[in-house]
């Protein structure tokens, strides 16, 4: 598999806490403390790292629903 094919397999997207697929990926990451392949999410401003961003976005989404 060449580099272009690899890049297409691992395209990143914005994390959506309402997406069950995204939450399954995060659950697996938090349980294993490593990504299955590559991190599938973009790092968003103002966060400095993906785990902090995910935890904050999930917390805000959950509290918004209360």
C-alpha atoms as a PDB file:
ATOM      1  CA  UNK A   1       0.000   0.000   0.000  1.00  0.00           C
ATOM      2  CA  UNK A   2       1.478   3.344  -0.986  1.00  0.00           C
ATOM      3  CA  UNK A   3       1.449   6.551   1.076  1.00  0.00           C
ATOM      4  CA  UNK A   4      -1.580   8.048  -0.695  1.00  0.00           C
ATOM      5  CA  UNK A   5      -3.662   4.939  -0.048  1.00  0.00           C
ATOM      6  CA  UNK A   6      -2.602   4.986   3.604  1.00  0.00           C
ATOM      7  CA  UNK A   7      -3.567   8.649   3.949  1.00  0.00           C
ATOM      8  CA  UNK A   8      -7.007   7.953   2.490  1.00  0.00           C
ATOM      9  CA  UNK A   9      -7.568   5.150   4.995  1.00  0.00           C
ATOM     10  CA  UNK A  10      -6.811   7.385   7.956  1.00  0.00           C
ATOM     11  CA  UNK A  11      -8.581  10.612   7.120  1.00  0.00           C
ATOM     12  CA  UNK A  12      -9.324  12.711  10.151  1.00  0.00           C
ATOM     13  CA  UNK A  13     -12.570  14.415  11.009  1.00  0.00           C
ATOM     14  CA  UNK A  14     -13.987  16.649  13.699  1.00  0.00           C
ATOM     15  CA  UNK A  15     -14.947  14.770  16.849  1.00  0.00           C
ATOM     16  CA  UNK A  16     -18.712  14.605  17.440  1.00  0.00           C
ATOM     17  CA  UNK A  17     -19.720  13.484  20.958  1.00  0.00           C
ATOM     18  CA  UNK A  18     -23.247  12.692  19.716  1.00  0.00           C
ATOM     19  CA  UNK A  19     -21.844  10.133  17.244  1.00  0.00           C
ATOM     20  CA  UNK A  20     -21.927   6.563  18.547  1.00  0.00           C
ATOM     21  CA  UNK A  21     -19.098   5.626  16.183  1.00  0.00           C
ATOM     22  CA  UNK A  22     -16.868   8.428  17.511  1.00  0.00           C
ATOM     23  CA  UNK A  23     -17.689   7.489  21.100  1.00  0.00           C
ATOM     24  CA  UNK A  24     -16.778   3.839  20.434  1.00  0.00           C
ATOM     25  CA  UNK A  25     -13.394   4.943  19.094  1.00  0.00           C
ATOM     26  CA  UNK A  26     -12.825   7.131  22.173  1.00  0.00           C
ATOM     27  CA  UNK A  27     -13.894   4.354  24.538  1.00  0.00           C
ATOM     28  CA  UNK A  28     -11.413   1.968  22.918  1.00  0.00           C
ATOM     29  CA  UNK A  29      -8.669   4.629  23.097  1.00  0.00           C
ATOM     30  CA  UNK A  30      -9.305   5.411  26.767  1.00  0.00           C
ATOM     31  CA  UNK A  31      -9.372   1.722  27.654  1.00  0.00           C
ATOM     32  CA  UNK A  32      -6.154   0.830  25.791  1.00  0.00           C
ATOM     33  CA  UNK A  33      -4.426   4.226  25.968  1.00  0.00           C
ATOM     34  CA  UNK A  34      -3.468   3.928  22.310  1.00  0.00           C
ATOM     35  CA  UNK A  35      -5.177   4.382  18.966  1.00  0.00           C
ATOM     36  CA  UNK A  36      -6.110   1.315  16.971  1.00  0.00           C
ATOM     37  CA  UNK A  37      -4.409   2.746  13.864  1.00  0.00           C
ATOM     38  CA  UNK A  38      -4.015   6.516  13.887  1.00  0.00           C
ATOM     39  CA  UNK A  39      -5.946   9.184  15.701  1.00  0.00           C
ATOM     40  CA  UNK A  40      -9.064   9.833  13.574  1.00  0.00           C
ATOM     41  CA  UNK A  41      -9.787  13.299  14.988  1.00  0.00           C
ATOM     42  CA  UNK A  42      -8.489  16.779  14.299  1.00  0.00           C
ATOM     43  CA  UNK A  43      -7.044  18.703  17.207  1.00  0.00           C
ATOM     44  CA  UNK A  44      -9.262  21.742  17.678  1.00  0.00           C
ATOM     45  CA  UNK A  45      -8.339  25.127  19.043  1.00  0.00           C
ATOM     46  CA  UNK A  46      -7.779  25.983  21.973  1.00  0.00           C
ATOM     47  CA  UNK A  47      -6.797  22.452  23.013  1.00  0.00           C
ATOM     48  CA  UNK A  48      -3.184  21.334  23.141  1.00  0.00           C
ATOM     49  CA  UNK A  49      -3.756  17.580  22.997  1.00  0.00           C
ATOM     50  CA  UNK A  50      -6.406  15.167  21.757  1.00  0.00           C
ATOM     51  CA  UNK A  51      -7.213  13.329  25.043  1.00  0.00           C
ATOM     52  CA  UNK A  52      -7.934  16.597  26.861  1.00  0.00           C
ATOM     53  CA  UNK A  53     -10.059  17.812  23.960  1.00  0.00           C
ATOM     54  CA  UNK A  54     -12.081  14.587  23.907  1.00  0.00           C
ATOM     55  CA  UNK A  55     -12.715  14.561  27.649  1.00  0.00           C
ATOM     56  CA  UNK A  56     -13.733  18.229  27.656  1.00  0.00           C
ATOM     57  CA  UNK A  57     -16.036  17.900  24.636  1.00  0.00           C
ATOM     58  CA  UNK A  58     -17.702  14.774  26.097  1.00  0.00           C
ATOM     59  CA  UNK A  59     -18.182  16.490  29.464  1.00  0.00           C
ATOM     60  CA  UNK A  60     -19.716  19.606  27.890  1.00  0.00           C
ATOM     61  CA  UNK A  61     -21.998  17.500  25.676  1.00  0.00           C
ATOM     62  CA  UNK A  62     -23.180  15.433  28.669  1.00  0.00           C
ATOM     63  CA  UNK A  63     -23.783  18.444  30.907  1.00  0.00           C
ATOM     64  CA  UNK A  64     -25.652  20.241  28.123  1.00  0.00           C
ATOM     65  CA  UNK A  65     -28.193  17.402  28.117  1.00  0.00           C
ATOM     66  CA  UNK A  66     -29.016  17.746  31.833  1.00  0.00           C
END
